[in-house]
Amino acid sequence: MITIDGQGLTLAELEAVARDRRPVGLHPEAAGRVRRSRALLEGLLRSDRPIYGVNTGFGRLADVRISPADQRALQRNMVRSHAAGVGRRLPAAEVRAIMLLRANTLARGQSGCRLVVVERLLDLLNHGVHPEVPEIGSVGASGDLAPLSHVALALTGEGRAELDGELGNAAEMLRAIGSEPLDLSEKEAVALINGTQATTGIGALALCRFARALDTADVAGAMSLEGLKGTPDPFRSEIHSARPHPGQIAAARRLWALLRGSGIRESHRTGDPRVQDAYSLRCMPQVHGAAREAYGYAQRVMTTEANSTTDNPLVLPRAAVPDRAGRAAGGPAAGIVLSGGNFHAQVVAQCLDLVAIAAADMASISERRIDRLLNPDLSGLPAFLTTRPGIRSGLMIAQVTAADALSEMRVLATPASIDSVSTSASQEDHVSMGMAAARKVRRSVELLEVVLAAEFLCAAQAVEFHRPLRAGDGVERALASVRAHVPRVTDDRPLGTDLEALAVLIRAGELSQAGVANDVDAAGSDAADAEPEGIDHQP
């Protein structure tokens, strides 16, 4: 079981709950913080001071006071009115990520909700009940209001939810797991829907996939280098210690390790008229390394966001606040309620835009390697890597597929976070467009996997034209993994199935793991030594 406390959730744990459906529990200290925050709020409500979203309206209506008799109705109405999402239903994994992140931020004890709200979110996760959440409807400031409202709607027994693959009335799904609809109390609608968890959940899962694609790109590039009889000398540590960007050093180190023991390299060590390889081969550490730097920044931002309080207002108990029955609850020493803007997803949107840019560039250099592999004028191999060019087209159209994916990725690399549309009668006059950024990066990473699949298909075929010579040890391991799922193309056949099979392997991280063995640290004296091999998926 993964235990959340609002402070230490990792992206790896988030993915384990979202995709692998690991069970989740709440740390006792977090439960105590939630109770103290609620006690503070209830004490302040007795003083009748205005508190945004509790005894006032929302957005442009923040100046409208709400009577105590109407405060619970305000919470119900807020969830209903804000559940205005449309479009494709988010996959279960993304909904699970959103629910876990929301429970984790409430577990910080700064939102003023009752403990039962957090517990109910975890119940739904552990029983596999997933609210129906449309993907369109958030501008990423005042939080992801529409997506999170659809989650909250299901908690109250309204809307629809999925259980065991069946979509039905949320109240029925709650009863099926022995639960009941939640009657939201003061502040709890705001606590549930005012935050960045939809942007962060979708973006974090895409970022985890991007990490595996980055590791895999090194393997694909090394295989292409062998197929094209390139030299590994540009990956020597002396070059990269002269420009010591950590991502560049890590990529060079992995490439050097993958190519160790190459018989293909030995076959052309002398007598090769080429002075230098093309940039798509020689500059892999610099380009792949830049993407690693983008990943490192995004990982830090997303991990911080996953463990942040992002609703408004914040209900902040003092360190010495008594328990729920304490005499000082609601008094001046108990704590404060502050309105701010932690719901604004600009930092998340910008980092996801950067990842989309980095993914497009990774696809760009990969597509150039594919073209070199298929072009006989550049490769020295049969045209399109087939033994009978002309009567056979070989792998010609694999590059066309990669080019199509790359074109879309270049469009997706246009930042969403530079856009802003004023909403809520200009009360919310600058927004992040975080959900648009998250949807873009999700699609961009999916397309990167397709481009890398095309490179593997071509690079594996190219290496086999050099038999009986063997490629580097890491390349040979990856090639064996490719051939375990996709046979060599000896006669023309539809390539779509092959590309899809390889994309699945890339998504799962199988090819990145096959390519670099555990002995990467023994890659030789020329291996760069400033960074560990691969992507660190923990913060």
Protein backbone atom coordinates (compact mmCIF):
# COMPACT_ATOMS: atom_id res chain seq x y z
CA MET A 1 0.00 0.00 0.00
CA ILE A 2 1.14 3.52 -0.79
CA THR A 3 0.57 5.88 2.14
CA ILE A 4 -0.03 9.55 1.39
CA ASP A 5 0.71 12.40 3.77
CA GLY A 6 0.54 15.44 1.49
CA GLN A 7 4.30 15.81 1.43
CA GLY A 8 6.17 12.86 -0.05
CA LEU A 9 4.20 11.54 -3.03
CA THR A 10 6.53 10.65 -5.91
CA LEU A 11 5.71 10.50 -9.60
CA ALA A 12 6.52 6.79 -9.57
CA GLU A 13 3.96 6.25 -6.80
CA LEU A 14 1.43 8.35 -8.65
CA GLU A 15 1.84 6.19 -11.74
CA ALA A 16 1.65 3.00 -9.66
CA VAL A 17 -1.72 4.04 -8.24
CA ALA A 18 -3.02 5.41 -11.54
CA ARG A 19 -1.92 2.67 -13.93
CA ASP A 20 -1.22 -0.36 -11.73
CA ARG A 21 -4.03 0.36 -9.24
CA ARG A 22 -1.90 0.07 -6.14
CA PRO A 23 -3.98 0.58 -2.94
CA VAL A 24 -3.66 3.84 -1.03
CA GLY A 25 -3.88 4.71 2.67
CA LEU A 26 -3.72 7.94 4.68
CA HIS A 27 -0.93 8.62 7.15
CA PRO A 28 -2.23 9.19 10.73
CA GLU A 29 -0.35 12.49 11.03
CA ALA A 30 -2.07 13.74 7.88
CA ALA A 31 -5.44 12.78 9.35
CA GLY A 32 -4.61 14.87 12.41
CA ARG A 33 -3.73 17.87 10.27
CA VAL A 34 -7.03 17.58 8.40
CA ARG A 35 -8.97 17.53 11.67
CA ARG A 36 -7.15 20.59 13.00
CA SER A 37 -7.80 22.55 9.82
CA ARG A 38 -11.49 21.68 9.99
CA ALA A 39 -11.69 22.69 13.65
CA LEU A 40 -10.20 26.08 12.80
CA LEU A 41 -12.70 26.66 10.02
CA GLU A 42 -15.68 25.73 12.16
CA GLY A 43 -14.53 28.09 14.88
CA LEU A 44 -14.14 30.93 12.40
CA LEU A 45 -17.60 30.29 10.98
CA ARG A 46 -19.07 30.90 14.41
CA SER A 47 -17.52 34.37 14.32
CA ASP A 48 -19.43 35.18 11.10
CA ARG A 49 -16.39 36.71 9.44
CA PRO A 50 -16.51 36.59 5.60
CA ILE A 51 -14.64 33.61 4.17
CA TYR A 52 -14.48 33.24 0.39
CA GLY A 53 -16.46 30.32 -0.95
CA VAL A 54 -17.77 29.43 2.50
CA ASN A 55 -20.13 32.24 3.38
CA THR A 56 -19.59 34.24 0.20
CA GLY A 57 -20.23 33.58 -3.47
CA PHE A 58 -17.52 32.57 -5.96
CA GLY A 59 -15.49 34.46 -8.53
CA ARG A 60 -17.17 37.70 -9.50
CA LEU A 61 -19.81 36.94 -6.82
CA ALA A 62 -17.26 36.95 -3.98
CA ASP A 63 -18.89 40.05 -2.46
CA VAL A 64 -22.26 38.33 -2.03
CA ARG A 65 -22.73 37.07 1.55
CA ILE A 66 -24.38 33.68 2.07
CA SER A 67 -26.49 33.04 5.15
CA PRO A 68 -25.69 30.02 7.39
CA ALA A 69 -28.91 28.35 6.26
CA ASP A 70 -27.76 28.44 2.64
CA GLN A 71 -24.11 27.53 3.03
CA ARG A 72 -24.52 23.81 2.35
CA ALA A 73 -26.74 24.53 -0.63
CA LEU A 74 -23.94 26.79 -1.89
CA GLN A 75 -21.55 23.81 -1.89
CA ARG A 76 -23.98 21.58 -3.80
CA ASN A 77 -24.74 24.28 -6.33
CA MET A 78 -21.10 25.05 -6.88
CA VAL A 79 -20.29 21.46 -7.80
CA ARG A 80 -23.33 21.13 -10.04
CA SER A 81 -22.82 24.40 -11.89
CA HIS A 82 -19.09 23.91 -12.39
CA ALA A 83 -19.43 20.36 -13.76
CA ALA A 84 -19.58 21.80 -17.28
CA GLY A 85 -16.97 19.64 -18.97
CA VAL A 86 -17.49 18.24 -22.44
CA GLY A 87 -15.66 16.01 -24.87
CA ARG A 88 -13.89 12.69 -24.62
CA ARG A 89 -14.00 10.94 -21.25
CA LEU A 90 -10.63 10.85 -19.55
CA PRO A 91 -9.12 7.35 -19.29
CA ALA A 92 -9.41 5.64 -15.91
CA ALA A 93 -5.67 6.03 -15.22
CA GLU A 94 -5.87 9.81 -15.60
CA VAL A 95 -8.98 10.02 -13.40
CA ARG A 96 -7.20 7.96 -10.76
CA ALA A 97 -4.21 10.30 -10.91
CA ILE A 98 -6.52 13.29 -10.42
CA MET A 99 -8.27 11.70 -7.43
CA LEU A 100 -4.99 10.69 -5.78
CA LEU A 101 -3.52 14.16 -6.21
CA ARG A 102 -6.65 15.76 -4.81
CA ALA A 103 -6.58 13.45 -1.78
CA ASN A 104 -2.89 14.17 -1.28
CA THR A 105 -3.33 17.95 -1.34
CA LEU A 106 -6.26 17.73 1.12
CA ALA A 107 -4.06 15.53 3.33
CA ARG A 108 -1.81 18.54 3.89
CA GLY A 109 -4.47 19.88 6.27
CA GLN A 110 -4.71 23.37 4.82
CA SER A 111 -8.08 23.16 3.07
CA GLY A 112 -10.61 23.06 5.91
CA CYS A 113 -12.49 19.97 4.75
CA ARG A 114 -13.64 17.11 6.95
CA LEU A 115 -11.55 13.94 7.12
CA VAL A 116 -14.36 11.97 5.49
CA VAL A 117 -13.78 13.82 2.21
CA VAL A 118 -10.21 12.50 1.95
CA GLU A 119 -11.27 9.04 3.07
CA ARG A 120 -14.05 8.90 0.48
CA LEU A 121 -11.63 9.77 -2.34
CA LEU A 122 -9.35 6.95 -1.22
CA ASP A 123 -12.32 4.56 -0.98
CA LEU A 124 -13.20 5.23 -4.59
CA LEU A 125 -9.59 4.66 -5.63
CA ASN A 126 -9.24 1.42 -3.69
CA HIS A 127 -12.54 0.04 -5.00
CA GLY A 128 -11.92 1.10 -8.61
CA VAL A 129 -14.79 3.59 -8.89
CA HIS A 130 -13.84 6.25 -11.45
CA PRO A 131 -16.02 9.32 -12.02
CA GLU A 132 -16.79 10.29 -15.60
CA VAL A 133 -14.58 13.31 -16.32
CA PRO A 134 -14.75 15.01 -19.75
CA GLU A 135 -11.42 16.43 -20.88
CA ILE A 136 -12.56 19.88 -22.09
CA GLY A 137 -13.55 22.66 -19.68
CA SER A 138 -10.60 24.05 -17.71
CA VAL A 139 -8.46 27.12 -18.34
CA GLY A 140 -6.07 26.22 -15.51
CA ALA A 141 -6.75 29.10 -13.14
CA SER A 142 -9.20 29.14 -10.30
CA GLY A 143 -8.02 25.60 -10.72
CA ASP A 144 -9.27 22.85 -13.00
CA LEU A 145 -12.82 23.66 -12.01
CA ALA A 146 -14.82 21.58 -14.48
CA PRO A 147 -12.78 18.35 -14.37
CA LEU A 148 -12.54 18.40 -10.58
CA SER A 149 -16.25 19.24 -10.30
CA HIS A 150 -17.07 16.05 -12.19
CA VAL A 151 -15.04 14.11 -9.61
CA ALA A 152 -16.81 15.92 -6.76
CA LEU A 153 -20.18 15.36 -8.43
CA ALA A 154 -19.66 11.59 -8.26
CA LEU A 155 -18.74 11.84 -4.58
CA THR A 156 -22.13 13.41 -3.94
CA GLY A 157 -23.89 10.61 -5.84
CA GLU A 158 -24.64 12.65 -8.95
CA GLY A 159 -23.26 12.30 -12.44
CA ARG A 160 -21.82 9.03 -13.71
CA ALA A 161 -18.95 6.77 -12.72
CA GLU A 162 -17.27 3.61 -13.97
CA LEU A 163 -16.81 0.40 -12.00
CA ASP A 164 -15.40 -2.83 -13.44
CA GLY A 165 -15.66 -1.45 -16.94
CA GLU A 166 -19.32 -0.47 -16.63
CA LEU A 167 -20.46 3.16 -16.72
CA GLY A 168 -23.53 4.02 -14.69
CA ASN A 169 -25.18 6.31 -12.16
CA ALA A 170 -22.64 7.43 -9.55
CA ALA A 171 -25.00 6.78 -6.63
CA GLU A 172 -25.44 3.17 -7.77
CA MET A 173 -21.69 2.71 -8.07
CA LEU A 174 -21.23 4.06 -4.54
CA ARG A 175 -23.80 1.64 -3.19
CA ALA A 176 -22.07 -1.20 -5.04
CA ILE A 177 -18.96 -0.66 -2.91
CA GLY A 178 -20.91 -0.16 0.30
CA SER A 179 -20.66 3.61 0.33
CA GLU A 180 -23.12 6.48 0.33
CA PRO A 181 -23.25 9.87 -1.39
CA LEU A 182 -21.33 12.57 0.46
CA ASP A 183 -23.25 15.59 1.74
CA LEU A 184 -20.74 18.39 1.29
CA SER A 185 -20.26 20.73 4.22
CA GLU A 186 -18.96 24.31 4.31
CA LYS A 187 -15.81 24.94 2.21
CA GLU A 188 -15.71 21.38 0.86
CA ALA A 189 -16.77 22.17 -2.70
CA VAL A 190 -13.96 24.70 -2.96
CA ALA A 191 -11.56 22.23 -1.35
CA LEU A 192 -12.45 19.59 -3.94
CA ILE A 193 -12.54 21.62 -7.15
CA ASN A 194 -10.19 24.58 -6.68
CA GLY A 195 -6.77 23.28 -7.72
CA THR A 196 -4.44 22.09 -10.48
CA GLN A 197 -4.88 18.35 -10.08
CA ALA A 198 -6.35 17.61 -13.54
CA THR A 199 -3.52 19.44 -15.30
CA THR A 200 -0.97 17.90 -12.96
CA GLY A 201 -2.41 14.37 -13.12
CA ILE A 202 -2.56 14.17 -16.90
CA GLY A 203 0.78 15.93 -17.24
CA ALA A 204 2.55 13.77 -14.66
CA LEU A 205 1.49 10.53 -16.33
CA ALA A 206 2.67 11.88 -19.68
CA LEU A 207 5.95 12.91 -18.06
CA CYS A 208 6.51 9.36 -16.76
CA ARG A 209 6.04 8.08 -20.31
CA PHE A 210 8.39 10.76 -21.61
CA ALA A 211 11.09 9.56 -19.19
CA ARG A 212 10.90 6.06 -20.63
CA ALA A 213 10.94 7.46 -24.17
CA LEU A 214 14.10 9.43 -23.35
CA ASP A 215 15.93 6.32 -22.19
CA THR A 216 14.63 4.44 -25.21
CA ALA A 217 15.77 7.14 -27.64
CA ASP A 218 19.39 6.54 -26.59
CA VAL A 219 18.97 2.86 -27.46
CA ALA A 220 17.33 3.60 -30.81
CA GLY A 221 20.03 6.12 -31.65
CA ALA A 222 22.82 3.69 -30.77
CA MET A 223 21.22 1.02 -32.97
CA SER A 224 20.95 3.50 -35.84
CA LEU A 225 24.60 4.45 -35.41
CA GLU A 226 25.59 0.79 -35.77
CA GLY A 227 23.34 0.35 -38.79
CA LEU A 228 25.03 3.34 -40.43
CA LYS A 229 28.55 2.32 -39.34
CA GLY A 230 29.00 5.49 -37.34
CA THR A 231 31.68 6.09 -34.74
CA PRO A 232 31.10 6.25 -30.97
CA ASP A 233 34.08 8.58 -30.49
CA PRO A 234 31.84 11.70 -30.11
CA PHE A 235 30.47 10.08 -26.94
CA ARG A 236 33.83 10.05 -25.14
CA SER A 237 33.78 11.60 -21.70
CA GLU A 238 36.55 14.08 -22.54
CA ILE A 239 34.23 15.88 -24.94
CA HIS A 240 31.35 16.16 -22.50
CA SER A 241 33.40 17.10 -19.47
CA ALA A 242 34.35 20.16 -21.52
CA ARG A 243 30.68 21.14 -21.59
CA PRO A 244 29.35 19.57 -18.42
CA HIS A 245 25.58 19.76 -18.72
CA PRO A 246 24.33 16.80 -16.64
CA GLY A 247 21.78 15.69 -19.25
CA GLN A 248 24.39 15.71 -22.01
CA ILE A 249 26.84 13.74 -19.87
CA ALA A 250 24.16 11.16 -19.00
CA ALA A 251 23.17 10.66 -22.64
CA ALA A 252 26.79 10.32 -23.77
CA ARG A 253 27.48 7.82 -21.04
CA ARG A 254 24.51 5.67 -22.00
CA LEU A 255 25.39 5.76 -25.70
CA TRP A 256 28.98 4.77 -25.00
CA ALA A 257 27.83 1.87 -22.82
CA LEU A 258 25.35 0.66 -25.42
CA LEU A 259 28.05 0.49 -28.10
CA ARG A 260 30.68 -1.28 -26.03
CA GLY A 261 32.01 -4.44 -27.64
CA SER A 262 30.84 -3.56 -31.15
CA GLY A 263 32.23 -5.76 -33.92
CA ILE A 264 30.66 -3.45 -36.48
CA ARG A 265 32.76 -0.59 -35.13
CA GLU A 266 35.93 -2.66 -35.27
CA SER A 267 35.22 -3.55 -38.91
CA HIS A 268 35.55 0.07 -40.03
CA ARG A 269 37.91 1.54 -37.46
CA THR A 270 40.57 1.99 -40.13
CA GLY A 271 40.21 2.95 -43.76
CA ASP A 272 36.91 4.79 -43.31
CA PRO A 273 37.04 7.98 -45.41
CA ARG A 274 34.44 9.80 -43.25
CA VAL A 275 35.95 12.38 -40.93
CA GLN A 276 32.75 13.03 -38.98
CA ASP A 277 29.23 11.61 -38.83
CA ALA A 278 26.12 13.67 -39.55
CA TYR A 279 24.73 15.72 -36.70
CA SER A 280 21.79 13.36 -36.08
CA LEU A 281 24.40 10.77 -35.04
CA ARG A 282 27.29 12.82 -33.72
CA CYS A 283 25.19 15.27 -31.69
CA MET A 284 22.93 12.76 -29.96
CA PRO A 285 24.35 13.59 -26.50
CA GLN A 286 23.74 17.28 -27.03
CA VAL A 287 20.17 16.89 -28.33
CA HIS A 288 19.10 13.98 -26.14
CA GLY A 289 20.80 15.71 -23.23
CA ALA A 290 18.80 18.89 -23.74
CA ALA A 291 15.61 16.84 -23.50
CA ARG A 292 16.90 15.29 -20.29
CA GLU A 293 17.44 18.75 -18.85
CA ALA A 294 13.84 19.63 -19.74
CA TYR A 295 12.66 16.41 -18.10
CA GLY A 296 14.64 17.14 -14.93
CA TYR A 297 13.06 20.58 -14.60
CA ALA A 298 9.57 19.22 -15.28
CA GLN A 299 10.03 16.39 -12.80
CA ARG A 300 10.92 18.87 -10.07
CA VAL A 301 7.96 21.11 -10.85
CA MET A 302 5.46 18.27 -11.07
CA THR A 303 6.67 16.61 -7.88
CA THR A 304 6.43 19.90 -6.00
CA GLU A 305 2.95 20.52 -7.39
CA ALA A 306 1.82 17.02 -6.43
CA ASN A 307 2.66 17.86 -2.81
CA SER A 308 1.21 21.37 -2.67
CA THR A 309 -2.00 22.97 -1.43
CA THR A 310 -3.65 24.60 -4.42
CA ASP A 311 -7.16 25.61 -3.38
CA ASN A 312 -8.40 28.97 -2.10
CA PRO A 313 -8.74 30.18 0.57
CA LEU A 314 -6.18 28.31 2.66
CA VAL A 315 -7.18 27.35 6.20
CA LEU A 316 -3.90 27.40 8.13
CA PRO A 317 -3.91 26.23 11.75
CA ARG A 318 -1.10 27.39 14.02
CA ALA A 319 1.32 24.75 15.23
CA ALA A 320 -0.20 24.74 18.70
CA VAL A 321 -3.85 24.53 17.71
CA PRO A 322 -5.85 22.33 20.13
CA ASP A 323 -7.77 19.35 18.84
CA ARG A 324 -11.36 19.56 17.59
CA ALA A 325 -12.78 19.95 21.09
CA GLY A 326 -10.12 22.45 22.21
CA ARG A 327 -11.18 25.71 23.77
CA ALA A 328 -9.08 27.87 21.45
CA ALA A 329 -10.58 26.62 18.21
CA GLY A 330 -11.46 29.63 16.09
CA GLY A 331 -9.72 32.08 18.35
CA PRO A 332 -6.90 34.40 17.26
CA ALA A 333 -4.22 31.90 18.29
CA ALA A 334 -5.82 29.05 16.36
CA GLY A 335 -4.72 30.07 12.89
CA ILE A 336 -5.67 32.12 9.88
CA VAL A 337 -7.60 31.89 6.63
CA LEU A 338 -5.87 33.50 3.65
CA SER A 339 -7.02 34.08 0.09
CA GLY A 340 -4.39 33.75 -2.60
CA GLY A 341 -3.75 32.23 -6.01
CA ASN A 342 -2.15 28.81 -5.57
CA PHE A 343 -4.77 27.41 -7.96
CA HIS A 344 -3.02 29.15 -10.88
CA ALA A 345 -1.31 26.45 -12.96
CA GLN A 346 1.17 28.65 -14.81
CA VAL A 347 4.26 26.88 -13.52
CA VAL A 348 2.79 23.49 -14.46
CA ALA A 349 1.57 24.65 -17.86
CA GLN A 350 4.92 26.15 -18.77
CA CYS A 351 6.90 23.06 -17.83
CA LEU A 352 4.52 20.83 -19.80
CA ASP A 353 4.91 23.10 -22.81
CA LEU A 354 8.68 22.68 -22.45
CA VAL A 355 8.29 18.91 -22.43
CA ALA A 356 6.21 19.08 -25.61
CA ILE A 357 8.97 21.14 -27.24
CA ALA A 358 11.64 18.67 -26.11
CA ALA A 359 9.58 15.71 -27.33
CA ALA A 360 9.19 17.31 -30.76
CA ASP A 361 12.93 17.81 -31.04
CA MET A 362 13.60 14.22 -29.97
CA ALA A 363 11.24 13.07 -32.72
CA SER A 364 12.93 15.42 -35.17
CA ILE A 365 16.41 13.97 -34.69
CA SER A 366 15.02 10.44 -34.69
CA GLU A 367 13.22 11.02 -38.00
CA ARG A 368 16.48 12.28 -39.53
CA ARG A 369 18.21 9.06 -38.49
CA ILE A 370 15.38 7.07 -40.05
CA ASP A 371 15.83 8.92 -43.33
CA ARG A 372 19.56 8.19 -43.35
CA LEU A 373 18.92 4.50 -42.72
CA LEU A 374 16.52 4.24 -45.67
CA ASN A 375 18.38 6.44 -48.17
CA PRO A 376 21.00 4.35 -50.05
CA ASP A 377 22.97 7.49 -50.92
CA LEU A 378 23.54 8.11 -47.21
CA SER A 379 23.53 4.62 -45.71
CA GLY A 380 25.48 2.47 -48.15
CA LEU A 381 22.74 -0.10 -47.61
CA PRO A 382 20.03 -1.33 -50.03
CA ALA A 383 17.33 1.25 -50.69
CA PHE A 384 14.64 1.20 -47.99
CA LEU A 385 16.42 -1.75 -46.37
CA THR A 386 14.97 -4.39 -48.67
CA THR A 387 16.88 -6.98 -50.68
CA ARG A 388 14.89 -6.30 -53.86
CA PRO A 389 14.29 -2.54 -54.15
CA GLY A 390 11.77 -1.73 -56.82
CA ILE A 391 9.64 -4.83 -56.67
CA ARG A 392 9.58 -4.28 -52.92
CA SER A 393 9.14 -0.99 -51.06
CA GLY A 394 10.66 -2.33 -47.86
CA LEU A 395 10.50 0.13 -44.97
CA MET A 396 9.89 3.21 -47.15
CA ILE A 397 6.58 4.15 -45.55
CA ALA A 398 7.85 3.81 -41.97
CA GLN A 399 9.61 7.12 -42.52
CA VAL A 400 6.43 8.64 -43.94
CA THR A 401 4.56 7.61 -40.80
CA ALA A 402 7.27 9.17 -38.66
CA ALA A 403 7.14 12.37 -40.72
CA ASP A 404 3.38 12.63 -40.22
CA ALA A 405 3.72 12.16 -36.46
CA LEU A 406 6.52 14.72 -36.35
CA SER A 407 4.48 17.31 -38.20
CA GLU A 408 1.70 17.06 -35.63
CA MET A 409 4.22 17.22 -32.80
CA ARG A 410 5.59 20.48 -34.17
CA VAL A 411 2.09 21.94 -33.99
CA LEU A 412 1.70 20.58 -30.45
CA ALA A 413 4.99 22.24 -29.47
CA THR A 414 3.31 25.65 -29.77
CA PRO A 415 2.96 26.73 -26.12
CA ALA A 416 -0.50 26.83 -24.57
CA SER A 417 0.79 28.68 -21.50
CA ILE A 418 1.35 31.93 -23.41
CA ASP A 419 -2.38 32.16 -24.07
CA SER A 420 -4.92 33.64 -21.69
CA VAL A 421 -8.66 34.24 -21.99
CA SER A 422 -10.31 36.37 -19.32
CA THR A 423 -13.13 34.53 -17.52
CA SER A 424 -15.64 35.10 -14.71
CA ALA A 425 -16.49 38.68 -15.68
CA SER A 426 -12.75 39.58 -15.71
CA GLN A 427 -12.26 38.51 -12.10
CA GLU A 428 -10.09 35.73 -13.51
CA ASP A 429 -8.34 37.89 -16.08
CA HIS A 430 -5.14 35.86 -16.50
CA VAL A 431 -5.26 32.09 -16.82
CA SER A 432 -2.68 29.39 -17.59
CA MET A 433 -4.44 27.13 -20.10
CA GLY A 434 -2.87 24.27 -18.15
CA MET A 435 -5.30 21.58 -19.32
CA ALA A 436 -4.58 22.44 -22.94
CA ALA A 437 -0.87 22.07 -22.18
CA ALA A 438 -1.51 18.71 -20.50
CA ARG A 439 -3.57 17.37 -23.39
CA LYS A 440 -0.87 18.51 -25.83
CA VAL A 441 1.98 16.82 -24.02
CA ARG A 442 0.00 13.60 -23.61
CA ARG A 443 -0.51 13.44 -27.38
CA SER A 444 3.04 14.55 -28.11
CA VAL A 445 4.59 11.76 -26.04
CA GLU A 446 2.30 9.23 -27.72
CA LEU A 447 3.54 10.40 -31.13
CA LEU A 448 7.17 10.33 -29.97
CA GLU A 449 6.71 6.66 -29.17
CA VAL A 450 5.51 6.12 -32.75
CA VAL A 451 8.56 7.86 -34.23
CA LEU A 452 10.93 5.86 -32.04
CA ALA A 453 9.11 2.68 -33.04
CA ALA A 454 9.80 3.53 -36.69
CA GLU A 455 13.47 4.09 -35.90
CA PHE A 456 13.76 0.74 -34.16
CA LEU A 457 12.09 -1.01 -37.07
CA CYS A 458 14.60 0.49 -39.51
CA ALA A 459 17.68 0.37 -37.31
CA ALA A 460 17.20 -3.31 -36.45
CA GLN A 461 16.91 -4.16 -40.15
CA ALA A 462 20.04 -2.13 -40.93
CA VAL A 463 22.15 -3.82 -38.25
CA GLU A 464 21.17 -7.22 -39.61
CA PHE A 465 22.54 -6.29 -43.03
CA HIS A 466 25.98 -6.28 -41.38
CA ARG A 467 25.79 -9.88 -40.18
CA PRO A 468 27.80 -11.84 -39.15
CA LEU A 469 29.24 -8.75 -37.46
CA ARG A 470 27.70 -8.01 -34.07
CA ALA A 471 26.71 -4.62 -32.79
CA GLY A 472 27.50 -3.28 -29.32
CA ASP A 473 26.41 -5.40 -26.40
CA GLY A 474 23.55 -3.10 -25.41
CA VAL A 475 22.37 -2.75 -28.98
CA GLU A 476 22.31 -6.52 -29.40
CA ARG A 477 20.19 -6.93 -26.27
CA ALA A 478 17.72 -4.36 -27.57
CA LEU A 479 17.72 -5.99 -31.02
CA ALA A 480 16.86 -9.34 -29.46
CA SER A 481 13.94 -7.70 -27.67
CA VAL A 482 12.74 -6.14 -30.94
CA ARG A 483 12.92 -9.47 -32.74
CA ALA A 484 11.04 -11.23 -29.94
CA HIS A 485 8.03 -9.15 -30.96
CA VAL A 486 8.61 -8.07 -34.57
CA PRO A 487 10.26 -10.36 -37.13
CA ARG A 488 12.67 -9.13 -39.79
CA VAL A 489 10.95 -7.72 -42.88
CA THR A 490 11.97 -10.10 -45.67
CA ASP A 491 9.03 -9.44 -47.98
CA ASP A 492 6.63 -6.52 -48.08
CA ARG A 493 3.94 -6.65 -45.42
CA PRO A 494 1.73 -4.12 -43.61
CA LEU A 495 4.01 -2.29 -41.18
CA GLY A 496 1.33 -0.73 -38.99
CA THR A 497 1.09 -3.76 -36.72
CA ASP A 498 4.87 -3.81 -36.30
CA LEU A 499 4.99 -0.13 -35.39
CA GLU A 500 2.17 -0.48 -32.88
CA ALA A 501 3.85 -3.47 -31.24
CA LEU A 502 7.11 -1.57 -30.89
CA ALA A 503 5.31 1.51 -29.53
CA VAL A 504 3.82 -0.67 -26.78
CA LEU A 505 7.31 -1.91 -25.85
CA ILE A 506 8.59 1.67 -25.74
CA ARG A 507 5.66 2.79 -23.58
CA ALA A 508 6.37 -0.03 -21.11
CA GLY A 509 10.09 0.80 -21.00
CA GLU A 510 11.08 -2.67 -22.20
CA LEU A 511 13.47 -1.53 -24.90
CA SER A 512 15.23 1.00 -22.67
CA GLN A 513 15.79 -1.69 -20.06
CA ALA A 514 16.92 -4.26 -22.62
CA GLY A 515 19.44 -1.86 -24.08
CA VAL A 516 21.48 -1.00 -20.99
CA ALA A 517 22.43 -3.77 -18.60
CA ASN A 518 23.16 -3.38 -14.90
CA ASP A 519 26.87 -3.27 -15.61
CA VAL A 520 26.63 0.13 -17.29
CA ASP A 521 28.92 1.55 -14.59
CA ALA A 522 31.67 -0.66 -15.97
CA ALA A 523 31.39 0.88 -19.42
CA GLY A 524 35.10 1.66 -19.49
CA SER A 525 37.38 4.57 -18.73
CA ASP A 526 35.90 6.64 -21.53
CA ALA A 527 32.38 6.52 -20.11
CA ALA A 528 31.20 9.80 -18.62
CA ASP A 529 30.96 9.46 -14.86
CA ALA A 530 29.02 12.52 -13.70
CA GLU A 531 25.52 11.03 -13.87
CA PRO A 532 23.95 7.63 -13.17
CA GLU A 533 22.67 5.66 -16.12
CA GLY A 534 19.13 6.33 -17.25
CA ILE A 535 16.41 8.55 -15.89
CA ASP A 536 15.88 8.81 -12.17
CA HIS A 537 12.13 8.39 -11.85
CA GLN A 538 12.16 9.43 -8.21
CA PRO A 539 12.35 13.10 -7.17
